PDB file of all heavy atoms in Angstrom:
ATOM      1  N   VAL A   1       0.819  -1.207   0.000  1.00  0.00           N
ATOM      2  CA  VAL A   1       0.000   0.000   0.000  1.00  0.00           C
ATOM      3  C   VAL A   1       0.857   1.262   0.000  1.00  0.00           C
ATOM      4  O   VAL A   1       0.537   2.238  -0.669  1.00  0.00           O
ATOM      5  CB  VAL A   1      -0.952  -0.006   1.214  1.00  0.00           C
ATOM      6  CG1 VAL A   1      -1.702   1.318   1.334  1.00  0.00           C
ATOM      7  CG2 VAL A   1      -1.938  -1.160   1.092  1.00  0.00           C
ATOM      8  N   MET A   2       1.948   1.270   0.767  1.00  0.00           N
ATOM      9  CA  MET A   2       2.825   2.440   0.768  1.00  0.00           C
ATOM     10  C   MET A   2       4.249   2.046   1.123  1.00  0.00           C
ATOM     11  O   MET A   2       4.467   1.060   1.838  1.00  0.00           O
ATOM     12  CB  MET A   2       2.325   3.526   1.714  1.00  0.00           C
ATOM     13  CG  MET A   2       2.506   3.254   3.186  1.00  0.00           C
ATOM     14  SD  MET A   2       2.194   4.713   4.246  1.00  0.00           S
ATOM     15  CE  MET A   2       3.668   5.696   3.917  1.00  0.00           C
ATOM     16  N   GLN A   3       5.200   2.807   0.602  1.00  0.00           N
ATOM     17  CA  GLN A   3       6.604   2.678   0.964  1.00  0.00           C
ATOM     18  C   GLN A   3       6.913   3.710   2.034  1.00  0.00           C
ATOM     19  O   GLN A   3       6.384   4.821   2.009  1.00  0.00           O
ATOM     20  CB  GLN A   3       7.507   2.911  -0.255  1.00  0.00           C
ATOM     21  CG  GLN A   3       7.292   1.929  -1.391  1.00  0.00           C
ATOM     22  CD  GLN A   3       7.867   0.557  -1.102  1.00  0.00           C
ATOM     23  OE1 GLN A   3       8.673   0.384  -0.189  1.00  0.00           O
ATOM     24  NE2 GLN A   3       7.470  -0.425  -1.896  1.00  0.00           N
ATOM     25  N   SER A   4       7.760   3.327   2.990  1.00  0.00           N
ATOM     26  CA  SER A   4       8.076   4.238   4.081  1.00  0.00           C
ATOM     27  C   SER A   4       9.571   4.275   4.324  1.00  0.00           C
ATOM     28  O   SER A   4      10.306   3.360   3.948  1.00  0.00           O
ATOM     29  CB  SER A   4       7.349   3.790   5.360  1.00  0.00           C
ATOM     30  OG  SER A   4       7.631   4.672   6.443  1.00  0.00           O
ATOM     31  N   GLU A   5      10.018   5.340   4.960  1.00  0.00           N
ATOM     32  CA  GLU A   5      11.385   5.494   5.427  1.00  0.00           C
ATOM     33  C   GLU A   5      11.392   6.568   6.498  1.00  0.00           C
ATOM     34  O   GLU A   5      10.358   7.213   6.749  1.00  0.00           O
ATOM     35  CB  GLU A   5      12.332   5.874   4.288  1.00  0.00           C
ATOM     36  CG  GLU A   5      12.065   7.247   3.707  1.00  0.00           C
ATOM     37  CD  GLU A   5      13.054   7.619   2.613  1.00  0.00           C
ATOM     38  OE1 GLU A   5      14.227   7.888   2.946  1.00  0.00           O
ATOM     39  OE2 GLU A   5      12.640   7.634   1.437  1.00  0.00           O
ATOM     40  N   ALA A   6      12.514   6.758   7.150  1.00  0.00           N
ATOM     41  CA  ALA A   6      12.615   7.808   8.164  1.00  0.00           C
ATOM     42  C   ALA A   6      12.592   9.171   7.488  1.00  0.00           C
ATOM     43  O   ALA A   6      13.211   9.384   6.446  1.00  0.00           O
ATOM     44  CB  ALA A   6      13.896   7.646   8.966  1.00  0.00           C
ATOM     45  N   VAL A   7      11.864  10.098   8.113  1.00  0.00           N
ATOM     46  CA  VAL A   7      11.769  11.459   7.591  1.00  0.00           C
ATOM     47  C   VAL A   7      11.962  12.454   8.734  1.00  0.00           C
ATOM     48  O   VAL A   7      11.711  12.145   9.903  1.00  0.00           O
ATOM     49  CB  VAL A   7      10.406  11.726   6.898  1.00  0.00           C
ATOM     50  CG1 VAL A   7      10.279  10.927   5.621  1.00  0.00           C
ATOM     51  CG2 VAL A   7       9.237  11.423   7.843  1.00  0.00           C
ATOM     52  N   LEU A   8      12.419  13.637   8.371  1.00  0.00           N
ATOM     53  CA  LEU A   8      12.494  14.760   9.302  1.00  0.00           C
ATOM     54  C   LEU A   8      11.249  15.595   9.082  1.00  0.00           C
ATOM     55  O   LEU A   8      10.997  16.060   7.970  1.00  0.00           O
ATOM     56  CB  LEU A   8      13.755  15.584   9.043  1.00  0.00           C
ATOM     57  CG  LEU A   8      13.937  16.850   9.886  1.00  0.00           C
ATOM     58  CD1 LEU A   8      14.133  16.507  11.359  1.00  0.00           C
ATOM     59  CD2 LEU A   8      15.136  17.661   9.376  1.00  0.00           C
ATOM     60  N   VAL A   9      10.441  15.758  10.130  1.00  0.00           N
ATOM     61  CA  VAL A   9       9.196  16.508  10.006  1.00  0.00           C
ATOM     62  C   VAL A   9       9.219  17.718  10.931  1.00  0.00           C
ATOM     63  O   VAL A   9       9.953  17.751  11.927  1.00  0.00           O
ATOM     64  CB  VAL A   9       7.973  15.623  10.329  1.00  0.00           C
ATOM     65  CG1 VAL A   9       7.826  14.508   9.309  1.00  0.00           C
ATOM     66  CG2 VAL A   9       8.058  15.055  11.752  1.00  0.00           C
ATOM     67  N   ALA A  10       8.401  18.698  10.596  1.00  0.00           N
ATOM     68  CA  ALA A  10       8.299  19.927  11.393  1.00  0.00           C
ATOM     69  C   ALA A  10       6.911  20.503  11.182  1.00  0.00           C
ATOM     70  O   ALA A  10       6.210  20.145  10.229  1.00  0.00           O
ATOM     71  CB  ALA A  10       9.372  20.927  10.966  1.00  0.00           C
ATOM     72  N   PRO A  11       6.481  21.413  12.057  1.00  0.00           N
ATOM     73  CA  PRO A  11       5.198  22.104  11.827  1.00  0.00           C
ATOM     74  C   PRO A  11       5.268  22.966  10.568  1.00  0.00           C
ATOM     75  O   PRO A  11       6.348  23.205  10.015  1.00  0.00           O
ATOM     76  CB  PRO A  11       5.042  22.977  13.085  1.00  0.00           C
ATOM     77  CG  PRO A  11       6.019  22.448  14.078  1.00  0.00           C
ATOM     78  CD  PRO A  11       7.143  21.850  13.285  1.00  0.00           C
ATOM     79  N   ALA A  12       4.117  23.437  10.159  1.00  0.00           N
ATOM     80  CA  ALA A  12       4.072  24.288   8.963  1.00  0.00           C
ATOM     81  C   ALA A  12       4.941  25.521   9.122  1.00  0.00           C
ATOM     82  O   ALA A  12       5.532  26.013   8.156  1.00  0.00           O
ATOM     83  CB  ALA A  12       2.627  24.685   8.659  1.00  0.00           C
ATOM     84  N   ALA A  13       5.041  26.041  10.338  1.00  0.00           N
ATOM     85  CA  ALA A  13       5.847  27.245  10.580  1.00  0.00           C
ATOM     86  C   ALA A  13       6.563  27.119  11.917  1.00  0.00           C
ATOM     87  O   ALA A  13       6.021  26.576  12.878  1.00  0.00           O
ATOM     88  CB  ALA A  13       4.969  28.489  10.561  1.00  0.00           C
ATOM     89  N   LEU A  14       7.798  27.616  11.950  1.00  0.00           N
ATOM     90  CA  LEU A  14       8.585  27.685  13.172  1.00  0.00           C
ATOM     91  C   LEU A  14       9.025  29.128  13.397  1.00  0.00           C
ATOM     92  O   LEU A  14       9.019  29.942  12.461  1.00  0.00           O
ATOM     93  CB  LEU A  14       9.834  26.795  13.059  1.00  0.00           C
ATOM     94  CG  LEU A  14       9.666  25.285  13.199  1.00  0.00           C
ATOM     95  CD1 LEU A  14      10.974  24.587  12.830  1.00  0.00           C
ATOM     96  CD2 LEU A  14       9.237  24.897  14.613  1.00  0.00           C
ATOM     97  N   GLN A  15       9.422  29.434  14.615  1.00  0.00           N
ATOM     98  CA  GLN A  15      10.018  30.738  14.871  1.00  0.00           C
ATOM     99  C   GLN A  15      11.264  30.880  13.999  1.00  0.00           C
ATOM    100  O   GLN A  15      11.956  29.895  13.721  1.00  0.00           O
ATOM    101  CB  GLN A  15      10.391  30.856  16.347  1.00  0.00           C
ATOM    102  CG  GLN A  15       9.204  30.829  17.289  1.00  0.00           C
ATOM    103  CD  GLN A  15       9.632  30.833  18.744  1.00  0.00           C
ATOM    104  OE1 GLN A  15      10.814  30.989  19.056  1.00  0.00           O
ATOM    105  NE2 GLN A  15       8.665  30.661  19.636  1.00  0.00           N
ATOM    106  N   PRO A  16      11.579  32.097  13.553  1.00  0.00           N
ATOM    107  CA  PRO A  16      12.697  32.288  12.625  1.00  0.00           C
ATOM    108  C   PRO A  16      14.019  31.696  13.105  1.00  0.00           C
ATOM    109  O   PRO A  16      14.760  31.097  12.317  1.00  0.00           O
ATOM    110  CB  PRO A  16      12.784  33.812  12.492  1.00  0.00           C
ATOM    111  CG  PRO A  16      11.388  34.282  12.745  1.00  0.00           C
ATOM    112  CD  PRO A  16      10.841  33.358  13.784  1.00  0.00           C
ATOM    113  N   ASP A  17      14.334  31.832  14.406  1.00  0.00           N
ATOM    114  CA  ASP A  17      15.608  31.298  14.880  1.00  0.00           C
ATOM    115  C   ASP A  17      15.625  29.771  14.842  1.00  0.00           C
ATOM    116  O   ASP A  17      16.650  29.156  14.519  1.00  0.00           O
ATOM    117  CB  ASP A  17      15.913  31.804  16.295  1.00  0.00           C
ATOM    118  CG  ASP A  17      14.830  31.427  17.298  1.00  0.00           C
ATOM    119  OD1 ASP A  17      13.652  31.281  16.899  1.00  0.00           O
ATOM    120  OD2 ASP A  17      15.157  31.259  18.495  1.00  0.00           O
ATOM    121  N   LYS A  18      14.489  29.146  15.138  1.00  0.00           N
ATOM    122  CA  LYS A  18      14.415  27.688  15.079  1.00  0.00           C
ATOM    123  C   LYS A  18      14.441  27.193  13.635  1.00  0.00           C
ATOM    124  O   LYS A  18      15.003  26.139  13.338  1.00  0.00           O
ATOM    125  CB  LYS A  18      13.174  27.193  15.813  1.00  0.00           C
ATOM    126  CG  LYS A  18      13.211  27.467  17.318  1.00  0.00           C
ATOM    127  CD  LYS A  18      11.996  26.900  18.014  1.00  0.00           C
ATOM    128  CE  LYS A  18      12.007  27.230  19.505  1.00  0.00           C
ATOM    129  NZ  LYS A  18      13.130  26.580  20.203  1.00  0.00           N
ATOM    130  N   GLU A  19      13.828  27.962  12.735  1.00  0.00           N
ATOM    131  CA  GLU A  19      13.864  27.589  11.317  1.00  0.00           C
ATOM    132  C   GLU A  19      15.298  27.637  10.802  1.00  0.00           C
ATOM    133  O   GLU A  19      15.720  26.780  10.010  1.00  0.00           O
ATOM    134  CB  GLU A  19      12.970  28.524  10.504  1.00  0.00           C
ATOM    135  CG  GLU A  19      12.716  28.069   9.080  1.00  0.00           C
ATOM    136  CD  GLU A  19      11.837  26.838   8.994  1.00  0.00           C
ATOM    137  OE1 GLU A  19      10.789  26.793   9.654  1.00  0.00           O
ATOM    138  OE2 GLU A  19      12.224  25.899   8.264  1.00  0.00           O
ATOM    139  N   ARG A  20      16.067  28.617  11.255  1.00  0.00           N
ATOM    140  CA  ARG A  20      17.474  28.704  10.850  1.00  0.00           C
ATOM    141  C   ARG A  20      18.257  27.499  11.383  1.00  0.00           C
ATOM    142  O   ARG A  20      19.086  26.927  10.678  1.00  0.00           O
ATOM    143  CB  ARG A  20      18.094  30.016  11.344  1.00  0.00           C
ATOM    144  CG  ARG A  20      17.666  31.245  10.555  1.00  0.00           C
ATOM    145  CD  ARG A  20      18.526  32.452  10.898  1.00  0.00           C
ATOM    146  NE  ARG A  20      18.328  32.879  12.283  1.00  0.00           N
ATOM    147  CZ  ARG A  20      17.402  33.758  12.650  1.00  0.00           C
ATOM    148  NH1 ARG A  20      16.597  34.295  11.753  1.00  0.00           N
ATOM    149  NH2 ARG A  20      17.291  34.108  13.924  1.00  0.00           N
ATOM    150  N   ASP A  21      17.981  27.127  12.626  1.00  0.00           N
ATOM    151  CA  ASP A  21      18.650  25.949  13.189  1.00  0.00           C
ATOM    152  C   ASP A  21      18.281  24.688  12.400  1.00  0.00           C
ATOM    153  O   ASP A  21      19.134  23.826  12.156  1.00  0.00           O
ATOM    154  CB  ASP A  21      18.263  25.761  14.658  1.00  0.00           C
ATOM    155  CG  ASP A  21      18.948  26.755  15.581  1.00  0.00           C
ATOM    156  OD1 ASP A  21      19.965  27.356  15.156  1.00  0.00           O
ATOM    157  OD2 ASP A  21      18.476  26.942  16.713  1.00  0.00           O
ATOM    158  N   LEU A  22      17.017  24.589  12.015  1.00  0.00           N
ATOM    159  CA  LEU A  22      16.577  23.430  11.238  1.00  0.00           C
ATOM    160  C   LEU A  22      17.274  23.395   9.883  1.00  0.00           C
ATOM    161  O   LEU A  22      17.689  22.328   9.405  1.00  0.00           O
ATOM    162  CB  LEU A  22      15.058  23.471  11.061  1.00  0.00           C
ATOM    163  CG  LEU A  22      14.414  22.244  10.409  1.00  0.00           C
ATOM    164  CD1 LEU A  22      14.636  20.998  11.262  1.00  0.00           C
ATOM    165  CD2 LEU A  22      12.917  22.467  10.209  1.00  0.00           C
ATOM    166  N   ASP A  23      17.425  24.557   9.256  1.00  0.00           N
ATOM    167  CA  ASP A  23      18.136  24.636   7.971  1.00  0.00           C
ATOM    168  C   ASP A  23      19.591  24.185   8.124  1.00  0.00           C
ATOM    169  O   ASP A  23      20.125  23.477   7.257  1.00  0.00           O
ATOM    170  CB  ASP A  23      18.090  26.064   7.425  1.00  0.00           C
ATOM    171  CG  ASP A  23      16.719  26.456   6.906  1.00  0.00           C
ATOM    172  OD1 ASP A  23      15.898  25.552   6.667  1.00  0.00           O
ATOM    173  OD2 ASP A  23      16.472  27.662   6.739  1.00  0.00           O
ATOM    174  N   LYS A  24      20.229  24.587   9.217  1.00  0.00           N
ATOM    175  CA  LYS A  24      21.613  24.180   9.458  1.00  0.00           C
ATOM    176  C   LYS A  24      21.712  22.668   9.645  1.00  0.00           C
ATOM    177  O   LYS A  24      22.644  22.022   9.158  1.00  0.00           O
ATOM    178  CB  LYS A  24      22.164  24.898  10.690  1.00  0.00           C
ATOM    179  CG  LYS A  24      22.369  26.394  10.515  1.00  0.00           C
ATOM    180  CD  LYS A  24      22.829  27.036  11.825  1.00  0.00           C
ATOM    181  CE  LYS A  24      22.959  28.540  11.709  1.00  0.00           C
ATOM    182  NZ  LYS A  24      23.345  29.167  13.002  1.00  0.00           N
ATOM    183  N   LEU A  25      20.746  22.112  10.368  1.00  0.00           N
ATOM    184  CA  LEU A  25      20.730  20.669  10.581  1.00  0.00           C
ATOM    185  C   LEU A  25      20.528  19.931   9.258  1.00  0.00           C
ATOM    186  O   LEU A  25      21.208  18.944   8.971  1.00  0.00           O
ATOM    187  CB  LEU A  25      19.622  20.317  11.566  1.00  0.00           C
ATOM    188  CG  LEU A  25      19.596  18.894  12.119  1.00  0.00           C
ATOM    189  CD1 LEU A  25      20.859  18.609  12.927  1.00  0.00           C
ATOM    190  CD2 LEU A  25      18.358  18.682  12.979  1.00  0.00           C
ATOM    191  N   CYS A  26      19.613  20.426   8.427  1.00  0.00           N
ATOM    192  CA  CYS A  26      19.369  19.818   7.114  1.00  0.00           C
ATOM    193  C   CYS A  26      20.614  19.889   6.238  1.00  0.00           C
ATOM    194  O   CYS A  26      20.899  18.958   5.476  1.00  0.00           O
ATOM    195  CB  CYS A  26      18.197  20.513   6.425  1.00  0.00           C
ATOM    196  SG  CYS A  26      16.598  20.151   7.157  1.00  0.00           S
ATOM    197  N   PHE A  27      21.344  20.998   6.326  1.00  0.00           N
ATOM    198  CA  PHE A  27      22.581  21.142   5.553  1.00  0.00           C
ATOM    199  C   PHE A  27      23.566  20.035   5.907  1.00  0.00           C
ATOM    200  O   PHE A  27      24.168  19.416   5.028  1.00  0.00           O
ATOM    201  CB  PHE A  27      23.189  22.517   5.829  1.00  0.00           C
ATOM    202  CG  PHE A  27      24.532  22.733   5.192  1.00  0.00           C
ATOM    203  CD1 PHE A  27      24.637  23.006   3.833  1.00  0.00           C
ATOM    204  CD2 PHE A  27      25.693  22.648   5.937  1.00  0.00           C
ATOM    205  CE1 PHE A  27      25.875  23.201   3.238  1.00  0.00           C
ATOM    206  CE2 PHE A  27      26.933  22.837   5.352  1.00  0.00           C
ATOM    207  CZ  PHE A  27      27.025  23.115   4.002  1.00  0.00           C
ATOM    208  N   ARG A  28      23.695  19.754   7.198  1.00  0.00           N
ATOM    209  CA  ARG A  28      24.597  18.677   7.627  1.00  0.00           C
ATOM    210  C   ARG A  28      24.090  17.317   7.156  1.00  0.00           C
ATOM    211  O   ARG A  28      24.863  16.495   6.656  1.00  0.00           O
ATOM    212  CB  ARG A  28      24.746  18.692   9.146  1.00  0.00           C
ATOM    213  CG  ARG A  28      25.421  19.933   9.698  1.00  0.00           C
ATOM    214  CD  ARG A  28      25.853  19.700  11.134  1.00  0.00           C
ATOM    215  NE  ARG A  28      26.296  20.920  11.792  1.00  0.00           N
ATOM    216  CZ  ARG A  28      26.911  20.953  12.970  1.00  0.00           C
ATOM    217  NH1 ARG A  28      27.134  19.806  13.619  1.00  0.00           N
ATOM    218  NH2 ARG A  28      27.290  22.089  13.510  1.00  0.00           N
ATOM    219  N   PHE A  29      22.802  17.079   7.347  1.00  0.00           N
ATOM    220  CA  PHE A  29      22.237  15.788   6.945  1.00  0.00           C
ATOM    221  C   PHE A  29      22.394  15.569   5.447  1.00  0.00           C
ATOM    222  O   PHE A  29      22.741  14.473   4.991  1.00  0.00           O
ATOM    223  CB  PHE A  29      20.753  15.727   7.307  1.00  0.00           C
ATOM    224  CG  PHE A  29      20.470  15.540   8.783  1.00  0.00           C
ATOM    225  CD1 PHE A  29      19.171  15.620   9.253  1.00  0.00           C
ATOM    226  CD2 PHE A  29      21.487  15.269   9.678  1.00  0.00           C
ATOM    227  CE1 PHE A  29      18.892  15.443  10.605  1.00  0.00           C
ATOM    228  CE2 PHE A  29      21.224  15.098  11.033  1.00  0.00           C
ATOM    229  CZ  PHE A  29      19.916  15.175  11.497  1.00  0.00           C
TER     230      PHE A  29
END
């Protein structure tokens, strides 16, 4: 029915400083 794997999820919007931290983490990943 569906294929799955691990994903990084977040709310639709984060505070700007947390969004920047998330972007930095994604860059490393």
